[in-house]
């Protein structure tokens, strides 16, 4: 009797599953699937670094707050000493897309990305994240380093995912800033 019930249970289970032995559709190799969510602050940092290393537009774009109603949106602010800050006055997500795609088209390579994060409390729904950055930039035969501080104001939406709401780039005199990389795309 137990054997009969086991066979009936297995049969019902297999019949109730829909097509369990077929393969799923493959993901787009360009990486434009909507699976880039940062559920923690360290994951946001890792996604940021990965997006820069791979110049991945979709991952990079997914880092920034973009509410559908346009009520709350991402903003970039430059306080770097080596660029005119006013050129970034209206810089938003569309500018970030142009920037990351521009780097990719010019075959710019970002490497040796070192991000040192200051202390933070992840239990909040919003926080300021101070990151000291250094990265190597290679464009054709030229190589140089950018150095400074990123101040991210990040928020957690619906208590689940972290996004960058405001990104401030600060670089002292004598350093090439990350804003300097963005400068050609500000016009």
C-alpha atoms as a PDB file:
ATOM      1  CA  UNK A   1       0.000   0.000   0.000  1.00  0.00           C
ATOM      2  CA  UNK A   2       2.849   2.414   0.868  1.00  0.00           C
ATOM      3  CA  UNK A   3       4.512   1.653  -2.459  1.00  0.00           C
ATOM      4  CA  UNK A   4       1.263   2.442  -4.291  1.00  0.00           C
ATOM      5  CA  UNK A   5       0.908   5.810  -2.479  1.00  0.00           C
ATOM      6  CA  UNK A   6       4.523   6.661  -3.291  1.00  0.00           C
ATOM      7  CA  UNK A   7       3.974   5.935  -7.001  1.00  0.00           C
ATOM      8  CA  UNK A   8       0.763   8.003  -7.031  1.00  0.00           C
ATOM      9  CA  UNK A   9       2.571  10.911  -5.308  1.00  0.00           C
ATOM     10  CA  UNK A  10       5.443  10.809  -7.816  1.00  0.00           C
ATOM     11  CA  UNK A  11       3.016  10.632 -10.758  1.00  0.00           C
ATOM     12  CA  UNK A  12       0.952  13.587  -9.494  1.00  0.00           C
ATOM     13  CA  UNK A  13       4.107  15.604  -8.829  1.00  0.00           C
ATOM     14  CA  UNK A  14       5.508  14.980 -12.310  1.00  0.00           C
ATOM     15  CA  UNK A  15       2.175  15.703 -13.984  1.00  0.00           C
ATOM     16  CA  UNK A  16       1.694  18.938 -12.083  1.00  0.00           C
ATOM     17  CA  UNK A  17       5.080  20.289 -13.202  1.00  0.00           C
ATOM     18  CA  UNK A  18       5.104  21.962 -16.557  1.00  0.00           C
ATOM     19  CA  UNK A  19       7.854  20.854 -18.858  1.00  0.00           C
ATOM     20  CA  UNK A  20      10.497  20.226 -16.206  1.00  0.00           C
ATOM     21  CA  UNK A  21      12.965  18.600 -18.587  1.00  0.00           C
ATOM     22  CA  UNK A  22      13.216  21.357 -21.201  1.00  0.00           C
ATOM     23  CA  UNK A  23      15.896  24.038 -21.095  1.00  0.00           C
ATOM     24  CA  UNK A  24      15.097  27.673 -20.454  1.00  0.00           C
ATOM     25  CA  UNK A  25      15.715  30.459 -22.938  1.00  0.00           C
ATOM     26  CA  UNK A  26      19.304  31.715 -22.808  1.00  0.00           C
ATOM     27  CA  UNK A  27      20.072  35.123 -21.334  1.00  0.00           C
ATOM     28  CA  UNK A  28      21.198  37.966 -23.570  1.00  0.00           C
ATOM     29  CA  UNK A  29      25.023  37.845 -23.771  1.00  0.00           C
ATOM     30  CA  UNK A  30      25.159  41.656 -23.790  1.00  0.00           C
ATOM     31  CA  UNK A  31      23.944  41.586 -20.195  1.00  0.00           C
ATOM     32  CA  UNK A  32      20.807  43.681 -20.576  1.00  0.00           C
ATOM     33  CA  UNK A  33      18.684  41.546 -18.298  1.00  0.00           C
ATOM     34  CA  UNK A  34      17.073  43.284 -15.335  1.00  0.00           C
ATOM     35  CA  UNK A  35      18.945  41.300 -12.714  1.00  0.00           C
ATOM     36  CA  UNK A  36      21.288  43.967 -11.361  1.00  0.00           C
ATOM     37  CA  UNK A  37      19.969  44.762  -7.933  1.00  0.00           C
ATOM     38  CA  UNK A  38      22.110  45.756  -4.981  1.00  0.00           C
ATOM     39  CA  UNK A  39      20.572  44.206  -1.877  1.00  0.00           C
ATOM     40  CA  UNK A  40      23.382  45.414   0.377  1.00  0.00           C
ATOM     41  CA  UNK A  41      25.869  48.267   0.495  1.00  0.00           C
ATOM     42  CA  UNK A  42      28.859  45.959  -0.202  1.00  0.00           C
ATOM     43  CA  UNK A  43      26.958  44.588  -3.205  1.00  0.00           C
ATOM     44  CA  UNK A  44      26.380  48.144  -4.477  1.00  0.00           C
ATOM     45  CA  UNK A  45      30.114  48.819  -4.145  1.00  0.00           C
ATOM     46  CA  UNK A  46      30.974  45.560  -5.924  1.00  0.00           C
ATOM     47  CA  UNK A  47      28.504  46.322  -8.733  1.00  0.00           C
ATOM     48  CA  UNK A  48      29.997  49.808  -9.089  1.00  0.00           C
ATOM     49  CA  UNK A  49      33.522  48.427  -9.410  1.00  0.00           C
ATOM     50  CA  UNK A  50      32.434  45.619 -11.768  1.00  0.00           C
ATOM     51  CA  UNK A  51      30.529  48.078 -13.985  1.00  0.00           C
ATOM     52  CA  UNK A  52      33.639  50.262 -14.312  1.00  0.00           C
ATOM     53  CA  UNK A  53      36.001  47.364 -14.947  1.00  0.00           C
ATOM     54  CA  UNK A  54      33.769  45.931 -17.671  1.00  0.00           C
ATOM     55  CA  UNK A  55      32.307  49.259 -18.848  1.00  0.00           C
ATOM     56  CA  UNK A  56      28.938  47.520 -18.513  1.00  0.00           C
ATOM     57  CA  UNK A  57      26.260  50.098 -19.358  1.00  0.00           C
ATOM     58  CA  UNK A  58      23.371  48.092 -17.910  1.00  0.00           C
ATOM     59  CA  UNK A  59      25.061  47.339 -14.611  1.00  0.00           C
ATOM     60  CA  UNK A  60      26.347  50.919 -14.377  1.00  0.00           C
ATOM     61  CA  UNK A  61      22.919  52.400 -15.105  1.00  0.00           C
ATOM     62  CA  UNK A  62      21.269  50.110 -12.545  1.00  0.00           C
ATOM     63  CA  UNK A  63      23.310  51.719  -9.753  1.00  0.00           C
ATOM     64  CA  UNK A  64      21.500  55.054  -9.983  1.00  0.00           C
ATOM     65  CA  UNK A  65      18.131  56.016  -8.563  1.00  0.00           C
ATOM     66  CA  UNK A  66      15.603  56.487 -11.337  1.00  0.00           C
ATOM     67  CA  UNK A  67      12.004  56.700 -10.179  1.00  0.00           C
ATOM     68  CA  UNK A  68       9.415  56.112 -12.919  1.00  0.00           C
ATOM     69  CA  UNK A  69       7.433  59.243 -12.039  1.00  0.00           C
ATOM     70  CA  UNK A  70      10.565  61.419 -12.185  1.00  0.00           C
ATOM     71  CA  UNK A  71       9.888  62.647  -8.649  1.00  0.00           C
ATOM     72  CA  UNK A  72      13.227  61.484  -7.270  1.00  0.00           C
ATOM     73  CA  UNK A  73      16.232  61.128  -9.521  1.00  0.00           C
ATOM     74  CA  UNK A  74      19.978  60.755  -9.539  1.00  0.00           C
ATOM     75  CA  UNK A  75      22.343  63.753  -9.558  1.00  0.00           C
ATOM     76  CA  UNK A  76      26.111  64.038 -10.100  1.00  0.00           C
ATOM     77  CA  UNK A  77      28.079  66.855  -8.467  1.00  0.00           C
ATOM     78  CA  UNK A  78      31.732  67.638  -9.094  1.00  0.00           C
ATOM     79  CA  UNK A  79      33.826  69.443  -6.509  1.00  0.00           C
ATOM     80  CA  UNK A  80      37.064  68.409  -8.211  1.00  0.00           C
ATOM     81  CA  UNK A  81      39.781  71.027  -8.515  1.00  0.00           C
ATOM     82  CA  UNK A  82      40.742  70.109 -12.095  1.00  0.00           C
ATOM     83  CA  UNK A  83      37.375  70.751 -13.840  1.00  0.00           C
ATOM     84  CA  UNK A  84      34.794  73.496 -14.056  1.00  0.00           C
ATOM     85  CA  UNK A  85      32.055  72.322 -11.689  1.00  0.00           C
ATOM     86  CA  UNK A  86      29.246  74.151 -13.496  1.00  0.00           C
ATOM     87  CA  UNK A  87      29.452  71.842 -16.530  1.00  0.00           C
ATOM     88  CA  UNK A  88      27.909  69.116 -14.383  1.00  0.00           C
ATOM     89  CA  UNK A  89      24.961  71.264 -13.270  1.00  0.00           C
ATOM     90  CA  UNK A  90      22.290  69.139 -14.939  1.00  0.00           C
ATOM     91  CA  UNK A  91      24.161  65.810 -15.052  1.00  0.00           C
ATOM     92  CA  UNK A  92      21.860  62.812 -14.630  1.00  0.00           C
ATOM     93  CA  UNK A  93      21.393  59.200 -15.701  1.00  0.00           C
ATOM     94  CA  UNK A  94      21.261  59.979 -19.436  1.00  0.00           C
ATOM     95  CA  UNK A  95      24.656  61.687 -19.120  1.00  0.00           C
ATOM     96  CA  UNK A  96      26.001  58.638 -17.278  1.00  0.00           C
ATOM     97  CA  UNK A  97      24.876  56.403 -20.177  1.00  0.00           C
ATOM     98  CA  UNK A  98      26.617  58.675 -22.693  1.00  0.00           C
ATOM     99  CA  UNK A  99      29.736  58.680 -20.500  1.00  0.00           C
ATOM    100  CA  UNK A 100      30.025  54.899 -20.058  1.00  0.00           C
ATOM    101  CA  UNK A 101      29.301  54.251 -23.742  1.00  0.00           C
ATOM    102  CA  UNK A 102      31.823  56.931 -24.725  1.00  0.00           C
ATOM    103  CA  UNK A 103      34.530  55.252 -22.668  1.00  0.00           C
ATOM    104  CA  UNK A 104      33.714  51.944 -24.326  1.00  0.00           C
ATOM    105  CA  UNK A 105      33.816  53.451 -27.842  1.00  0.00           C
ATOM    106  CA  UNK A 106      37.209  55.079 -27.224  1.00  0.00           C
ATOM    107  CA  UNK A 107      38.500  51.742 -25.916  1.00  0.00           C
ATOM    108  CA  UNK A 108      39.327  53.238 -22.541  1.00  0.00           C
ATOM    109  CA  UNK A 109      40.309  50.678 -19.935  1.00  0.00           C
ATOM    110  CA  UNK A 110      39.818  51.221 -16.218  1.00  0.00           C
ATOM    111  CA  UNK A 111      41.952  48.950 -14.055  1.00  0.00           C
ATOM    112  CA  UNK A 112      43.616  48.756 -10.654  1.00  0.00           C
ATOM    113  CA  UNK A 113      40.442  50.166  -9.118  1.00  0.00           C
ATOM    114  CA  UNK A 114      41.012  50.681  -5.410  1.00  0.00           C
ATOM    115  CA  UNK A 115      37.987  51.770  -3.370  1.00  0.00           C
ATOM    116  CA  UNK A 116      38.437  52.336   0.363  1.00  0.00           C
ATOM    117  CA  UNK A 117      35.129  52.801   2.127  1.00  0.00           C
ATOM    118  CA  UNK A 118      34.701  54.654   5.377  1.00  0.00           C
ATOM    119  CA  UNK A 119      32.426  53.358   8.153  1.00  0.00           C
ATOM    120  CA  UNK A 120      28.656  53.278   7.643  1.00  0.00           C
ATOM    121  CA  UNK A 121      25.487  51.916   9.234  1.00  0.00           C
ATOM    122  CA  UNK A 122      23.603  49.711   6.769  1.00  0.00           C
ATOM    123  CA  UNK A 123      20.551  49.426   8.994  1.00  0.00           C
ATOM    124  CA  UNK A 124      19.314  52.843   7.840  1.00  0.00           C
ATOM    125  CA  UNK A 125      17.213  53.443   4.710  1.00  0.00           C
ATOM    126  CA  UNK A 126      19.641  56.099   3.512  1.00  0.00           C
ATOM    127  CA  UNK A 127      23.254  56.899   4.243  1.00  0.00           C
ATOM    128  CA  UNK A 128      26.316  58.768   3.104  1.00  0.00           C
ATOM    129  CA  UNK A 129      29.081  56.555   1.831  1.00  0.00           C
ATOM    130  CA  UNK A 130      32.573  58.070   1.686  1.00  0.00           C
ATOM    131  CA  UNK A 131      34.930  56.225  -0.656  1.00  0.00           C
ATOM    132  CA  UNK A 132      38.569  57.076  -1.292  1.00  0.00           C
ATOM    133  CA  UNK A 133      39.295  56.063  -4.881  1.00  0.00           C
ATOM    134  CA  UNK A 134      42.284  55.424  -7.086  1.00  0.00           C
ATOM    135  CA  UNK A 135      42.198  53.837 -10.523  1.00  0.00           C
ATOM    136  CA  UNK A 136      44.401  53.419 -13.539  1.00  0.00           C
ATOM    137  CA  UNK A 137      43.066  54.726 -16.859  1.00  0.00           C
ATOM    138  CA  UNK A 138      44.469  53.489 -20.179  1.00  0.00           C
ATOM    139  CA  UNK A 139      43.532  55.214 -23.431  1.00  0.00           C
ATOM    140  CA  UNK A 140      45.480  53.986 -26.452  1.00  0.00           C
ATOM    141  CA  UNK A 141      49.154  54.333 -25.363  1.00  0.00           C
ATOM    142  CA  UNK A 142      48.469  56.814 -22.539  1.00  0.00           C
ATOM    143  CA  UNK A 143      48.112  55.743 -18.918  1.00  0.00           C
ATOM    144  CA  UNK A 144      47.317  57.870 -15.897  1.00  0.00           C
ATOM    145  CA  UNK A 145      45.721  57.568 -12.470  1.00  0.00           C
ATOM    146  CA  UNK A 146      42.633  59.304 -11.129  1.00  0.00           C
ATOM    147  CA  UNK A 147      42.420  59.883  -7.374  1.00  0.00           C
ATOM    148  CA  UNK A 148      40.050  61.507  -4.962  1.00  0.00           C
ATOM    149  CA  UNK A 149      36.940  60.854  -2.900  1.00  0.00           C
ATOM    150  CA  UNK A 150      33.454  59.819  -3.903  1.00  0.00           C
ATOM    151  CA  UNK A 151      30.657  60.787  -1.577  1.00  0.00           C
ATOM    152  CA  UNK A 152      27.589  58.738  -2.384  1.00  0.00           C
ATOM    153  CA  UNK A 153      24.229  59.502  -0.841  1.00  0.00           C
ATOM    154  CA  UNK A 154      22.494  56.162  -1.244  1.00  0.00           C
ATOM    155  CA  UNK A 155      18.955  55.140  -0.437  1.00  0.00           C
ATOM    156  CA  UNK A 156      17.161  51.853  -0.012  1.00  0.00           C
ATOM    157  CA  UNK A 157      13.933  51.642  -1.995  1.00  0.00           C
ATOM    158  CA  UNK A 158      11.017  49.628  -0.659  1.00  0.00           C
ATOM    159  CA  UNK A 159      13.338  48.341   2.052  1.00  0.00           C
ATOM    160  CA  UNK A 160      15.075  46.101  -0.500  1.00  0.00           C
ATOM    161  CA  UNK A 161      17.541  47.629  -2.966  1.00  0.00           C
ATOM    162  CA  UNK A 162      20.254  50.267  -2.630  1.00  0.00           C
ATOM    163  CA  UNK A 163      20.705  53.010  -5.255  1.00  0.00           C
ATOM    164  CA  UNK A 164      22.969  56.032  -5.619  1.00  0.00           C
ATOM    165  CA  UNK A 165      20.853  59.187  -5.348  1.00  0.00           C
ATOM    166  CA  UNK A 166      23.683  61.737  -5.298  1.00  0.00           C
ATOM    167  CA  UNK A 167      27.304  61.200  -6.330  1.00  0.00           C
ATOM    168  CA  UNK A 168      29.809  63.895  -5.387  1.00  0.00           C
ATOM    169  CA  UNK A 169      33.369  63.712  -6.712  1.00  0.00           C
ATOM    170  CA  UNK A 170      36.015  65.530  -4.661  1.00  0.00           C
ATOM    171  CA  UNK A 171      39.632  65.718  -5.757  1.00  0.00           C
ATOM    172  CA  UNK A 172      42.390  67.910  -4.383  1.00  0.00           C
ATOM    173  CA  UNK A 173      44.818  70.094  -6.298  1.00  0.00           C
ATOM    174  CA  UNK A 174      47.427  68.046  -8.164  1.00  0.00           C
ATOM    175  CA  UNK A 175      45.249  64.953  -8.675  1.00  0.00           C
ATOM    176  CA  UNK A 176      43.377  64.001 -11.823  1.00  0.00           C
ATOM    177  CA  UNK A 177      39.756  63.446 -10.811  1.00  0.00           C
ATOM    178  CA  UNK A 178      37.098  61.042 -12.032  1.00  0.00           C
ATOM    179  CA  UNK A 179      35.201  64.163 -13.124  1.00  0.00           C
ATOM    180  CA  UNK A 180      38.034  64.837 -15.579  1.00  0.00           C
ATOM    181  CA  UNK A 181      37.081  61.571 -17.320  1.00  0.00           C
ATOM    182  CA  UNK A 182      33.471  62.768 -17.543  1.00  0.00           C
ATOM    183  CA  UNK A 183      34.346  66.281 -18.696  1.00  0.00           C
ATOM    184  CA  UNK A 184      34.382  65.568 -22.482  1.00  0.00           C
ATOM    185  CA  UNK A 185      30.864  64.095 -22.208  1.00  0.00           C
ATOM    186  CA  UNK A 186      29.410  67.120 -20.419  1.00  0.00           C
ATOM    187  CA  UNK A 187      28.922  69.147 -23.592  1.00  0.00           C
END
